[in-house]
Amino acid sequence: QVQLVESGGGLVQPGGSLRLSCAASGIIFSLSAMGWYRQAPGKERQLLATIGTIGITNYEDSVKGRFTISRDNAKNTVYLQMNSLRPEDTAVYYCNAQKRSGEPRYDYWGQGTQVTVSS
C-alpha cells in the first residue's frame, strides 16, 4: 500500500520558518522523483520544488532562495525547509512521488498539510 504522509505544517508568523516532511512507503523511493506542491483556496495546485533521484533540484521562482527541498533515501523522506515565510505562502502543501521510466511507473500524492502564515 502506497502512503505519502506529510507533516510539519502549522501556523507561523510572517518571516518565520517551517520544515515539512513527507514520509513515503510502498514506493521505490530512491528511484522516485519527489516534489512539493501547494494549493491556496480558489487557486490551482502549484509546483514549488522538485528533487530528482540523484539530487538535482528545481524551484518555482517565487520560492527560490527561501525554500529548500532535500531527500533522505535511508529514511524514505523528502523535506521542504521554508524560510522567510509570507502570508501569500498560506496554502495546503502536498508531496508528490513520480516514477516515469521502467516498471512500475507511478504518480502518487499525499493528503496535504496546512501551512498558515499570519500574525
PDB file of N, CA and C in Angstrom:
ATOM      1  N   GLN A   1       0.845  -1.192   0.000  1.00  0.00           N
ATOM      2  CA  GLN A   1       0.000   0.000   0.000  1.00  0.00           C
ATOM      3  C   GLN A   1       0.880   1.242   0.000  1.00  0.00           C
ATOM      4  N   VAL A   2       0.593   2.140  -0.936  1.00  0.00           N
ATOM      5  CA  VAL A   2       1.382   3.357  -1.050  1.00  0.00           C
ATOM      6  C   VAL A   2       0.869   4.401  -0.065  1.00  0.00           C
ATOM      7  N   GLN A   3       1.802   5.006   0.639  1.00  0.00           N
ATOM      8  CA  GLN A   3       1.452   6.121   1.513  1.00  0.00           C
ATOM      9  C   GLN A   3       2.500   7.215   1.393  1.00  0.00           C
ATOM     10  N   LEU A   4       2.029   8.437   1.244  1.00  0.00           N
ATOM     11  CA  LEU A   4       2.868   9.627   1.361  1.00  0.00           C
ATOM     12  C   LEU A   4       2.237  10.451   2.473  1.00  0.00           C
ATOM     13  N   VAL A   5       2.951  10.596   3.570  1.00  0.00           N
ATOM     14  CA  VAL A   5       2.381  11.248   4.744  1.00  0.00           C
ATOM     15  C   VAL A   5       3.161  12.515   5.036  1.00  0.00           C
ATOM     16  N   GLU A   6       2.485  13.652   4.818  1.00  0.00           N
ATOM     17  CA  GLU A   6       3.121  14.948   5.095  1.00  0.00           C
ATOM     18  C   GLU A   6       2.928  15.319   6.557  1.00  0.00           C
ATOM     19  N   SER A   7       3.883  16.044   7.085  1.00  0.00           N
ATOM     20  CA  SER A   7       3.782  16.573   8.440  1.00  0.00           C
ATOM     21  C   SER A   7       4.603  17.846   8.521  1.00  0.00           C
ATOM     22  N   GLY A   8       4.404  18.588   9.612  1.00  0.00           N
ATOM     23  CA  GLY A   8       5.206  19.777   9.844  1.00  0.00           C
ATOM     24  C   GLY A   8       4.501  21.088   9.563  1.00  0.00           C
ATOM     25  N   GLY A   9       3.292  21.020   9.038  1.00  0.00           N
ATOM     26  CA  GLY A   9       2.562  22.254   8.790  1.00  0.00           C
ATOM     27  C   GLY A   9       2.075  22.880  10.075  1.00  0.00           C
ATOM     28  N   GLY A  10       1.524  24.083   9.956  1.00  0.00           N
ATOM     29  CA  GLY A  10       1.003  24.759  11.126  1.00  0.00           C
ATOM     30  C   GLY A  10       0.873  26.245  10.893  1.00  0.00           C
ATOM     31  N   LEU A  11       0.729  26.963  11.987  1.00  0.00           N
ATOM     32  CA  LEU A  11       0.597  28.417  11.963  1.00  0.00           C
ATOM     33  C   LEU A  11       1.945  29.037  12.301  1.00  0.00           C
ATOM     34  N   VAL A  12       2.373  29.979  11.485  1.00  0.00           N
ATOM     35  CA  VAL A  12       3.653  30.642  11.706  1.00  0.00           C
ATOM     36  C   VAL A  12       3.496  32.116  11.366  1.00  0.00           C
ATOM     37  N   GLN A  13       4.256  32.944  12.044  1.00  0.00           N
ATOM     38  CA  GLN A  13       4.212  34.378  11.769  1.00  0.00           C
ATOM     39  C   GLN A  13       5.000  34.707  10.509  1.00  0.00           C
ATOM     40  N   PRO A  14       4.658  35.795   9.855  1.00  0.00           N
ATOM     41  CA  PRO A  14       5.451  36.233   8.695  1.00  0.00           C
ATOM     42  C   PRO A  14       6.924  36.378   9.070  1.00  0.00           C
ATOM     43  N   GLY A  15       7.777  35.902   8.176  1.00  0.00           N
ATOM     44  CA  GLY A  15       9.203  35.895   8.432  1.00  0.00           C
ATOM     45  C   GLY A  15       9.701  34.645   9.116  1.00  0.00           C
ATOM     46  N   GLY A  16       8.791  33.815   9.569  1.00  0.00           N
ATOM     47  CA  GLY A  16       9.173  32.596  10.275  1.00  0.00           C
ATOM     48  C   GLY A  16       9.529  31.462   9.339  1.00  0.00           C
ATOM     49  N   SER A  17       9.806  30.313   9.950  1.00  0.00           N
ATOM     50  CA  SER A  17      10.236  29.126   9.208  1.00  0.00           C
ATOM     51  C   SER A  17       9.427  27.906   9.619  1.00  0.00           C
ATOM     52  N   LEU A  18       9.316  26.989   8.690  1.00  0.00           N
ATOM     53  CA  LEU A  18       8.735  25.678   8.948  1.00  0.00           C
ATOM     54  C   LEU A  18       9.502  24.660   8.119  1.00  0.00           C
ATOM     55  N   ARG A  19       9.556  23.424   8.602  1.00  0.00           N
ATOM     56  CA  ARG A  19      10.110  22.342   7.798  1.00  0.00           C
ATOM     57  C   ARG A  19       9.041  21.270   7.638  1.00  0.00           C
ATOM     58  N   LEU A  20       8.667  21.040   6.400  1.00  0.00           N
ATOM     59  CA  LEU A  20       7.716  19.988   6.088  1.00  0.00           C
ATOM     60  C   LEU A  20       8.462  18.691   5.807  1.00  0.00           C
ATOM     61  N   SER A  21       7.844  17.603   6.189  1.00  0.00           N
ATOM     62  CA  SER A  21       8.379  16.274   5.904  1.00  0.00           C
ATOM     63  C   SER A  21       7.321  15.458   5.171  1.00  0.00           C
ATOM     64  N   CYS A  22       7.789  14.565   4.335  1.00  0.00           N
ATOM     65  CA  CYS A  22       6.895  13.635   3.647  1.00  0.00           C
ATOM     66  C   CYS A  22       7.534  12.258   3.719  1.00  0.00           C
ATOM     67  N   ALA A  23       6.926  11.396   4.505  1.00  0.00           N
ATOM     68  CA  ALA A  23       7.430  10.034   4.665  1.00  0.00           C
ATOM     69  C   ALA A  23       6.704   9.121   3.691  1.00  0.00           C
ATOM     70  N   ALA A  24       7.477   8.423   2.877  1.00  0.00           N
ATOM     71  CA  ALA A  24       6.911   7.573   1.837  1.00  0.00           C
ATOM     72  C   ALA A  24       7.058   6.104   2.185  1.00  0.00           C
ATOM     73  N   SER A  25       6.068   5.332   1.783  1.00  0.00           N
ATOM     74  CA  SER A  25       6.140   3.880   1.905  1.00  0.00           C
ATOM     75  C   SER A  25       5.408   3.266   0.728  1.00  0.00           C
ATOM     76  N   GLY A  26       5.805   2.061   0.368  1.00  0.00           N
ATOM     77  CA  GLY A  26       5.143   1.369  -0.735  1.00  0.00           C
ATOM     78  C   GLY A  26       5.604   1.789  -2.112  1.00  0.00           C
ATOM     79  N   ILE A  27       6.636   2.642  -2.177  1.00  0.00           N
ATOM     80  CA  ILE A  27       7.199   3.037  -3.463  1.00  0.00           C
ATOM     81  C   ILE A  27       8.699   2.743  -3.444  1.00  0.00           C
ATOM     82  N   ILE A  28       9.313   2.812  -4.628  1.00  0.00           N
ATOM     83  CA  ILE A  28      10.764   2.661  -4.707  1.00  0.00           C
ATOM     84  C   ILE A  28      11.336   4.066  -4.550  1.00  0.00           C
ATOM     85  N   PHE A  29      11.512   4.477  -3.313  1.00  0.00           N
ATOM     86  CA  PHE A  29      11.808   5.881  -3.030  1.00  0.00           C
ATOM     87  C   PHE A  29      13.058   6.368  -3.754  1.00  0.00           C
ATOM     88  N   SER A  30      14.117   5.587  -3.735  1.00  0.00           N
ATOM     89  CA  SER A  30      15.390   6.043  -4.308  1.00  0.00           C
ATOM     90  C   SER A  30      15.289   6.261  -5.811  1.00  0.00           C
ATOM     91  N   LEU A  31      14.303   5.652  -6.461  1.00  0.00           N
ATOM     92  CA  LEU A  31      14.128   5.803  -7.905  1.00  0.00           C
ATOM     93  C   LEU A  31      12.996   6.774  -8.250  1.00  0.00           C
ATOM     94  N   SER A  32      12.467   7.435  -7.239  1.00  0.00           N
ATOM     95  CA  SER A  32      11.330   8.331  -7.437  1.00  0.00           C
ATOM     96  C   SER A  32      11.785   9.782  -7.454  1.00  0.00           C
ATOM     97  N   ALA A  33      11.243  10.529  -8.404  1.00  0.00           N
ATOM     98  CA  ALA A  33      11.379  11.981  -8.363  1.00  0.00           C
ATOM     99  C   ALA A  33      10.331  12.508  -7.389  1.00  0.00           C
ATOM    100  N   MET A  34      10.768  13.365  -6.475  1.00  0.00           N
ATOM    101  CA  MET A  34       9.875  13.869  -5.438  1.00  0.00           C
ATOM    102  C   MET A  34       9.627  15.356  -5.636  1.00  0.00           C
ATOM    103  N   GLY A  35       8.440  15.783  -5.289  1.00  0.00           N
ATOM    104  CA  GLY A  35       8.110  17.185  -5.448  1.00  0.00           C
ATOM    105  C   GLY A  35       7.192  17.686  -4.348  1.00  0.00           C
ATOM    106  N   TRP A  36       7.224  18.981  -4.163  1.00  0.00           N
ATOM    107  CA  TRP A  36       6.296  19.664  -3.257  1.00  0.00           C
ATOM    108  C   TRP A  36       5.461  20.641  -4.071  1.00  0.00           C
ATOM    109  N   TYR A  37       4.171  20.613  -3.806  1.00  0.00           N
ATOM    110  CA  TYR A  37       3.198  21.493  -4.438  1.00  0.00           C
ATOM    111  C   TYR A  37       2.410  22.179  -3.327  1.00  0.00           C
ATOM    112  N   ARG A  38       1.672  23.203  -3.726  1.00  0.00           N
ATOM    113  CA  ARG A  38       0.742  23.808  -2.785  1.00  0.00           C
ATOM    114  C   ARG A  38      -0.505  24.267  -3.536  1.00  0.00           C
ATOM    115  N   GLN A  39      -1.573  24.378  -2.764  1.00  0.00           N
ATOM    116  CA  GLN A  39      -2.821  24.859  -3.339  1.00  0.00           C
ATOM    117  C   GLN A  39      -3.489  25.783  -2.335  1.00  0.00           C
ATOM    118  N   ALA A  40      -3.643  27.031  -2.742  1.00  0.00           N
ATOM    119  CA  ALA A  40      -4.343  28.013  -1.925  1.00  0.00           C
ATOM    120  C   ALA A  40      -5.822  28.006  -2.288  1.00  0.00           C
ATOM    121  N   PRO A  41      -6.675  28.464  -1.403  1.00  0.00           N
ATOM    122  CA  PRO A  41      -8.121  28.485  -1.696  1.00  0.00           C
ATOM    123  C   PRO A  41      -8.425  29.243  -2.981  1.00  0.00           C
ATOM    124  N   GLY A  42      -9.188  28.615  -3.854  1.00  0.00           N
ATOM    125  CA  GLY A  42      -9.589  29.247  -5.095  1.00  0.00           C
ATOM    126  C   GLY A  42      -8.522  29.284  -6.167  1.00  0.00           C
ATOM    127  N   LYS A  43      -7.381  28.637  -5.907  1.00  0.00           N
ATOM    128  CA  LYS A  43      -6.292  28.647  -6.877  1.00  0.00           C
ATOM    129  C   LYS A  43      -5.932  27.226  -7.299  1.00  0.00           C
ATOM    130  N   GLU A  44      -5.233  27.128  -8.423  1.00  0.00           N
ATOM    131  CA  GLU A  44      -4.783  25.831  -8.895  1.00  0.00           C
ATOM    132  C   GLU A  44      -3.585  25.355  -8.083  1.00  0.00           C
ATOM    133  N   ARG A  45      -3.399  24.046  -8.101  1.00  0.00           N
ATOM    134  CA  ARG A  45      -2.231  23.484  -7.445  1.00  0.00           C
ATOM    135  C   ARG A  45      -0.973  23.961  -8.166  1.00  0.00           C
ATOM    136  N   GLN A  46       0.025  24.367  -7.387  1.00  0.00           N
ATOM    137  CA  GLN A  46       1.234  24.995  -7.914  1.00  0.00           C
ATOM    138  C   GLN A  46       2.456  24.166  -7.549  1.00  0.00           C
ATOM    139  N   LEU A  47       3.287  23.880  -8.538  1.00  0.00           N
ATOM    140  CA  LEU A  47       4.543  23.186  -8.289  1.00  0.00           C
ATOM    141  C   LEU A  47       5.531  24.151  -7.649  1.00  0.00           C
ATOM    142  N   LEU A  48       6.142  23.730  -6.539  1.00  0.00           N
ATOM    143  CA  LEU A  48       7.103  24.579  -5.833  1.00  0.00           C
ATOM    144  C   LEU A  48       8.540  24.132  -6.048  1.00  0.00           C
ATOM    145  N   ALA A  49       8.777  22.852  -5.888  1.00  0.00           N
ATOM    146  CA  ALA A  49      10.145  22.360  -5.919  1.00  0.00           C
ATOM    147  C   ALA A  49      10.152  20.876  -6.237  1.00  0.00           C
ATOM    148  N   THR A  50      11.185  20.456  -6.936  1.00  0.00           N
ATOM    149  CA  THR A  50      11.376  19.041  -7.221  1.00  0.00           C
ATOM    150  C   THR A  50      12.817  18.639  -6.917  1.00  0.00           C
ATOM    151  N   ILE A  51      12.967  17.360  -6.624  1.00  0.00           N
ATOM    152  CA  ILE A  51      14.304  16.802  -6.435  1.00  0.00           C
ATOM    153  C   ILE A  51      14.334  15.456  -7.122  1.00  0.00           C
ATOM    154  N   GLY A  52      15.329  15.287  -7.984  1.00  0.00           N
ATOM    155  CA  GLY A  52      15.432  14.052  -8.733  1.00  0.00           C
ATOM    156  C   GLY A  52      16.147  12.968  -7.959  1.00  0.00           C
ATOM    157  N   THR A  53      16.301  11.829  -8.641  1.00  0.00           N
ATOM    158  CA  THR A  53      16.885  10.675  -7.960  1.00  0.00           C
ATOM    159  C   THR A  53      18.348  10.866  -7.598  1.00  0.00           C
ATOM    160  N   ILE A  54      19.037  11.743  -8.311  1.00  0.00           N
ATOM    161  CA  ILE A  54      20.440  11.987  -7.969  1.00  0.00           C
ATOM    162  C   ILE A  54      20.606  13.336  -7.274  1.00  0.00           C
ATOM    163  N   GLY A  55      19.493  13.915  -6.846  1.00  0.00           N
ATOM    164  CA  GLY A  55      19.563  15.105  -6.007  1.00  0.00           C
ATOM    165  C   GLY A  55      19.502  16.436  -6.732  1.00  0.00           C
ATOM    166  N   ILE A  56      19.255  16.411  -8.024  1.00  0.00           N
ATOM    167  CA  ILE A  56      19.139  17.683  -8.744  1.00  0.00           C
ATOM    168  C   ILE A  56      17.811  18.336  -8.365  1.00  0.00           C
ATOM    169  N   THR A  57      17.875  19.614  -8.043  1.00  0.00           N
ATOM    170  CA  THR A  57      16.698  20.331  -7.567  1.00  0.00           C
ATOM    171  C   THR A  57      16.276  21.420  -8.544  1.00  0.00           C
ATOM    172  N   ASN A  58      14.993  21.729  -8.512  1.00  0.00           N
ATOM    173  CA  ASN A  58      14.445  22.841  -9.275  1.00  0.00           C
ATOM    174  C   ASN A  58      13.395  23.528  -8.427  1.00  0.00           C
ATOM    175  N   TYR A  59      13.285  24.854  -8.595  1.00  0.00           N
ATOM    176  CA  TYR A  59      12.364  25.639  -7.786  1.00  0.00           C
ATOM    177  C   TYR A  59      11.537  26.585  -8.643  1.00  0.00           C
ATOM    178  N   GLU A  60      10.329  26.799  -8.191  1.00  0.00           N
ATOM    179  CA  GLU A  60       9.489  27.837  -8.770  1.00  0.00           C
ATOM    180  C   GLU A  60      10.049  29.188  -8.333  1.00  0.00           C
ATOM    181  N   ASP A  61       9.939  30.186  -9.200  1.00  0.00           N
ATOM    182  CA  ASP A  61      10.624  31.458  -8.952  1.00  0.00           C
ATOM    183  C   ASP A  61      10.255  32.105  -7.617  1.00  0.00           C
ATOM    184  N   SER A  62       8.998  32.013  -7.224  1.00  0.00           N
ATOM    185  CA  SER A  62       8.577  32.737  -6.014  1.00  0.00           C
ATOM    186  C   SER A  62       9.150  32.145  -4.725  1.00  0.00           C
ATOM    187  N   VAL A  63       9.688  30.941  -4.792  1.00  0.00           N
ATOM    188  CA  VAL A  63      10.243  30.329  -3.579  1.00  0.00           C
ATOM    189  C   VAL A  63      11.760  30.167  -3.636  1.00  0.00           C
ATOM    190  N   LYS A  64      12.359  30.495  -4.771  1.00  0.00           N
ATOM    191  CA  LYS A  64      13.822  30.390  -4.875  1.00  0.00           C
ATOM    192  C   LYS A  64      14.485  31.263  -3.825  1.00  0.00           C
ATOM    193  N   GLY A  65      15.475  30.682  -3.161  1.00  0.00           N
ATOM    194  CA  GLY A  65      16.184  31.419  -2.130  1.00  0.00           C
ATOM    195  C   GLY A  65      15.512  31.395  -0.774  1.00  0.00           C
ATOM    196  N   ARG A  66      14.268  30.960  -0.721  1.00  0.00           N
ATOM    197  CA  ARG A  66      13.549  30.865   0.565  1.00  0.00           C
ATOM    198  C   ARG A  66      13.261  29.417   0.961  1.00  0.00           C
ATOM    199  N   PHE A  67      12.968  28.589  -0.019  1.00  0.00           N
ATOM    200  CA  PHE A  67      12.617  27.182   0.246  1.00  0.00           C
ATOM    201  C   PHE A  67      13.748  26.282  -0.236  1.00  0.00           C
ATOM    202  N   THR A  68      13.952  25.192   0.488  1.00  0.00           N
ATOM    203  CA  THR A  68      14.956  24.210   0.102  1.00  0.00           C
ATOM    204  C   THR A  68      14.351  22.815   0.193  1.00  0.00           C
ATOM    205  N   ILE A  69      14.428  22.085  -0.909  1.00  0.00           N
ATOM    206  CA  ILE A  69      13.954  20.701  -0.920  1.00  0.00           C
ATOM    207  C   ILE A  69      15.156  19.782  -0.740  1.00  0.00           C
ATOM    208  N   SER A  70      14.958  18.717   0.012  1.00  0.00           N
ATOM    209  CA  SER A  70      16.023  17.744   0.213  1.00  0.00           C
ATOM    210  C   SER A  70      15.394  16.372   0.415  1.00  0.00           C
ATOM    211  N   ARG A  71      16.210  15.349   0.311  1.00  0.00           N
ATOM    212  CA  ARG A  71      15.698  13.996   0.485  1.00  0.00           C
ATOM    213  C   ARG A  71      16.686  13.166   1.278  1.00  0.00           C
ATOM    214  N   ASP A  72      16.148  12.188   2.007  1.00  0.00           N
ATOM    215  CA  ASP A  72      16.950  11.232   2.747  1.00  0.00           C
ATOM    216  C   ASP A  72      16.478   9.853   2.306  1.00  0.00           C
ATOM    217  N   ASN A  73      17.226   9.241   1.408  1.00  0.00           N
ATOM    218  CA  ASN A  73      16.801   7.949   0.871  1.00  0.00           C
ATOM    219  C   ASN A  73      16.806   6.855   1.937  1.00  0.00           C
ATOM    220  N   ALA A  74      17.645   6.995   2.949  1.00  0.00           N
ATOM    221  CA  ALA A  74      17.678   5.996   4.019  1.00  0.00           C
ATOM    222  C   ALA A  74      16.396   6.016   4.843  1.00  0.00           C
ATOM    223  N   LYS A  75      15.752   7.180   4.883  1.00  0.00           N
ATOM    224  CA  LYS A  75      14.520   7.328   5.663  1.00  0.00           C
ATOM    225  C   LYS A  75      13.278   7.399   4.783  1.00  0.00           C
ATOM    226  N   ASN A  76      13.453   7.288   3.470  1.00  0.00           N
ATOM    227  CA  ASN A  76      12.334   7.392   2.530  1.00  0.00           C
ATOM    228  C   ASN A  76      11.524   8.659   2.777  1.00  0.00           C
ATOM    229  N   THR A  77      12.254   9.758   2.968  1.00  0.00           N
ATOM    230  CA  THR A  77      11.610  11.008   3.349  1.00  0.00           C
ATOM    231  C   THR A  77      12.145  12.159   2.511  1.00  0.00           C
ATOM    232  N   VAL A  78      11.229  13.035   2.129  1.00  0.00           N
ATOM    233  CA  VAL A  78      11.601  14.267   1.447  1.00  0.00           C
ATOM    234  C   VAL A  78      11.167  15.431   2.331  1.00  0.00           C
ATOM    235  N   TYR A  79      11.959  16.475   2.311  1.00  0.00           N
ATOM    236  CA  TYR A  79      11.734  17.629   3.184  1.00  0.00           C
ATOM    237  C   TYR A  79      11.559  18.909   2.361  1.00  0.00           C
ATOM    238  N   LEU A  80      10.887  19.862   2.958  1.00  0.00           N
ATOM    239  CA  LEU A  80      10.839  21.204   2.393  1.00  0.00           C
ATOM    240  C   LEU A  80      11.085  22.181   3.533  1.00  0.00           C
ATOM    241  N   GLN A  81      12.268  22.761   3.537  1.00  0.00           N
ATOM    242  CA  GLN A  81      12.587  23.800   4.509  1.00  0.00           C
ATOM    243  C   GLN A  81      12.100  25.127   3.955  1.00  0.00           C
ATOM    244  N   MET A  82      11.254  25.787   4.717  1.00  0.00           N
ATOM    245  CA  MET A  82      10.651  27.040   4.261  1.00  0.00           C
ATOM    246  C   MET A  82      11.055  28.160   5.210  1.00  0.00           C
ATOM    247  N   ASN A  83      11.748  29.133   4.678  1.00  0.00           N
ATOM    248  CA  ASN A  83      12.197  30.282   5.452  1.00  0.00           C
ATOM    249  C   ASN A  83      11.563  31.557   4.919  1.00  0.00           C
ATOM    250  N   SER A  84      11.651  32.613   5.712  1.00  0.00           N
ATOM    251  CA  SER A  84      11.123  33.923   5.291  1.00  0.00           C
ATOM    252  C   SER A  84       9.695  33.793   4.770  1.00  0.00           C
ATOM    253  N   LEU A  85       8.871  33.105   5.523  1.00  0.00           N
ATOM    254  CA  LEU A  85       7.509  32.858   5.071  1.00  0.00           C
ATOM    255  C   LEU A  85       6.681  34.133   5.001  1.00  0.00           C
ATOM    256  N   ARG A  86       5.798  34.155   4.020  1.00  0.00           N
ATOM    257  CA  ARG A  86       4.952  35.309   3.746  1.00  0.00           C
ATOM    258  C   ARG A  86       3.486  34.894   3.844  1.00  0.00           C
ATOM    259  N   PRO A  87       2.602  35.830   4.086  1.00  0.00           N
ATOM    260  CA  PRO A  87       1.169  35.463   4.117  1.00  0.00           C
ATOM    261  C   PRO A  87       0.705  34.767   2.840  1.00  0.00           C
ATOM    262  N   GLU A  88       1.282  35.134   1.711  1.00  0.00           N
ATOM    263  CA  GLU A  88       0.880  34.508   0.446  1.00  0.00           C
ATOM    264  C   GLU A  88       1.366  33.073   0.304  1.00  0.00           C
ATOM    265  N   ASP A  89       2.181  32.615   1.234  1.00  0.00           N
ATOM    266  CA  ASP A  89       2.584  31.206   1.252  1.00  0.00           C
ATOM    267  C   ASP A  89       1.519  30.319   1.905  1.00  0.00           C
ATOM    268  N   THR A  90       0.493  30.930   2.445  1.00  0.00           N
ATOM    269  CA  THR A  90      -0.583  30.161   3.077  1.00  0.00           C
ATOM    270  C   THR A  90      -1.277  29.267   2.051  1.00  0.00           C
ATOM    271  N   ALA A  91      -1.317  27.979   2.350  1.00  0.00           N
ATOM    272  CA  ALA A  91      -1.881  27.006   1.411  1.00  0.00           C
ATOM    273  C   ALA A  91      -1.832  25.632   2.054  1.00  0.00           C
ATOM    274  N   VAL A  92      -2.435  24.672   1.377  1.00  0.00           N
ATOM    275  CA  VAL A  92      -2.218  23.265   1.701  1.00  0.00           C
ATOM    276  C   VAL A  92      -1.042  22.789   0.859  1.00  0.00           C
ATOM    277  N   TYR A  93      -0.089  22.173   1.511  1.00  0.00           N
ATOM    278  CA  TYR A  93       1.135  21.713   0.852  1.00  0.00           C
ATOM    279  C   TYR A  93       1.072  20.206   0.664  1.00  0.00           C
ATOM    280  N   TYR A  94       1.382  19.781  -0.561  1.00  0.00           N
ATOM    281  CA  TYR A  94       1.291  18.383  -0.935  1.00  0.00           C
ATOM    282  C   TYR A  94       2.640  17.829  -1.400  1.00  0.00           C
ATOM    283  N   CYS A  95       2.860  16.606  -1.067  1.00  0.00           N
ATOM    284  CA  CYS A  95       4.023  15.853  -1.518  1.00  0.00           C
ATOM    285  C   CYS A  95       3.615  14.990  -2.715  1.00  0.00           C
ATOM    286  N   ASN A  96       4.534  14.857  -3.664  1.00  0.00           N
ATOM    287  CA  ASN A  96       4.279  14.046  -4.857  1.00  0.00           C
ATOM    288  C   ASN A  96       5.460  13.140  -5.134  1.00  0.00           C
ATOM    289  N   ALA A  97       5.160  11.932  -5.552  1.00  0.00           N
ATOM    290  CA  ALA A  97       6.203  10.968  -5.935  1.00  0.00           C
ATOM    291  C   ALA A  97       5.903  10.466  -7.336  1.00  0.00           C
ATOM    292  N   GLN A  98       6.906  10.533  -8.201  1.00  0.00           N
ATOM    293  CA  GLN A  98       6.727  10.084  -9.571  1.00  0.00           C
ATOM    294  C   GLN A  98       7.862   9.153  -9.987  1.00  0.00           C
ATOM    295  N   LYS A  99       7.479   8.172 -10.785  1.00  0.00           N
ATOM    296  CA  LYS A  99       8.493   7.333 -11.448  1.00  0.00           C
ATOM    297  C   LYS A  99       7.977   7.122 -12.854  1.00  0.00           C
ATOM    298  N   ARG A 100       8.682   7.651 -13.831  1.00  0.00           N
ATOM    299  CA  ARG A 100       8.166   7.673 -15.196  1.00  0.00           C
ATOM    300  C   ARG A 100       8.946   6.800 -16.148  1.00  0.00           C
ATOM    301  N   SER A 101       9.968   6.116 -15.685  1.00  0.00           N
ATOM    302  CA  SER A 101      10.700   5.217 -16.572  1.00  0.00           C
ATOM    303  C   SER A 101      10.792   3.856 -15.934  1.00  0.00           C
ATOM    304  N   GLY A 102      10.859   2.834 -16.767  1.00  0.00           N
ATOM    305  CA  GLY A 102      10.890   1.474 -16.253  1.00  0.00           C
ATOM    306  C   GLY A 102       9.568   1.122 -15.587  1.00  0.00           C
ATOM    307  N   GLU A 103       9.531  -0.054 -15.028  1.00  0.00           N
ATOM    308  CA  GLU A 103       8.340  -0.523 -14.319  1.00  0.00           C
ATOM    309  C   GLU A 103       8.685  -0.779 -12.862  1.00  0.00           C
ATOM    310  N   PRO A 104       7.782  -0.457 -11.945  1.00  0.00           N
ATOM    311  CA  PRO A 104       6.479   0.164 -12.159  1.00  0.00           C
ATOM    312  C   PRO A 104       6.599   1.674 -12.380  1.00  0.00           C
ATOM    313  N   ARG A 105       5.620   2.226 -13.045  1.00  0.00           N
ATOM    314  CA  ARG A 105       5.524   3.673 -13.190  1.00  0.00           C
ATOM    315  C   ARG A 105       4.397   4.160 -12.285  1.00  0.00           C
ATOM    316  N   TYR A 106       4.577   5.349 -11.699  1.00  0.00           N
ATOM    317  CA  TYR A 106       3.524   5.829 -10.810  1.00  0.00           C
ATOM    318  C   TYR A 106       3.604   7.332 -10.602  1.00  0.00           C
ATOM    319  N   ASP A 107       2.545   7.849 -10.047  1.00  0.00           N
ATOM    320  CA  ASP A 107       2.397   9.278  -9.736  1.00  0.00           C
ATOM    321  C   ASP A 107       1.448   9.331  -8.541  1.00  0.00           C
ATOM    322  N   TYR A 108       2.007   9.527  -7.359  1.00  0.00           N
ATOM    323  CA  TYR A 108       1.233   9.479  -6.131  1.00  0.00           C
ATOM    324  C   TYR A 108       1.280  10.806  -5.386  1.00  0.00           C
ATOM    325  N   TRP A 109       0.201  11.047  -4.630  1.00  0.00           N
ATOM    326  CA  TRP A 109       0.082  12.277  -3.839  1.00  0.00           C
ATOM    327  C   TRP A 109      -0.156  11.963  -2.373  1.00  0.00           C
ATOM    328  N   GLY A 110       0.333  12.853  -1.529  1.00  0.00           N
ATOM    329  CA  GLY A 110      -0.014  12.786  -0.121  1.00  0.00           C
ATOM    330  C   GLY A 110      -1.336  13.486   0.123  1.00  0.00           C
ATOM    331  N   GLN A 111      -1.736  13.490   1.389  1.00  0.00           N
ATOM    332  CA  GLN A 111      -3.039  14.057   1.743  1.00  0.00           C
ATOM    333  C   GLN A 111      -2.978  15.556   1.997  1.00  0.00           C
ATOM    334  N   GLY A 112      -1.778  16.086   2.120  1.00  0.00           N
ATOM    335  CA  GLY A 112      -1.610  17.516   2.310  1.00  0.00           C
ATOM    336  C   GLY A 112      -1.468  17.924   3.767  1.00  0.00           C
ATOM    337  N   THR A 113      -0.773  19.025   3.978  1.00  0.00           N
ATOM    338  CA  THR A 113      -0.637  19.610   5.311  1.00  0.00           C
ATOM    339  C   THR A 113      -0.827  21.125   5.187  1.00  0.00           C
ATOM    340  N   GLN A 114      -1.589  21.667   6.104  1.00  0.00           N
ATOM    341  CA  GLN A 114      -1.930  23.093   6.039  1.00  0.00           C
ATOM    342  C   GLN A 114      -0.790  23.939   6.591  1.00  0.00           C
ATOM    343  N   VAL A 115      -0.440  24.962   5.846  1.00  0.00           N
ATOM    344  CA  VAL A 115       0.504  25.979   6.306  1.00  0.00           C
ATOM    345  C   VAL A 115      -0.215  27.322   6.291  1.00  0.00           C
ATOM    346  N   THR A 116      -0.237  27.978   7.434  1.00  0.00           N
ATOM    347  CA  THR A 116      -0.862  29.287   7.554  1.00  0.00           C
ATOM    348  C   THR A 116       0.152  30.285   8.061  1.00  0.00           C
ATOM    349  N   VAL A 117       0.355  31.348   7.287  1.00  0.00           N
ATOM    350  CA  VAL A 117       1.310  32.391   7.659  1.00  0.00           C
ATOM    351  C   VAL A 117       0.506  33.641   8.000  1.00  0.00           C
ATOM    352  N   SER A 118       0.499  33.964   9.266  1.00  0.00           N
ATOM    353  CA  SER A 118      -0.329  35.079   9.723  1.00  0.00           C
ATOM    354  C   SER A 118       0.191  35.598  11.054  1.00  0.00           C
ATOM    355  N   SER A 119       0.021  36.898  11.249  1.00  0.00           N
ATOM    356  CA  SER A 119       0.385  37.488  12.537  1.00  0.00           C
ATOM    357  C   SER A 119      -0.831  37.536  13.465  1.00  0.00           C
TER     358      SER A 119
END
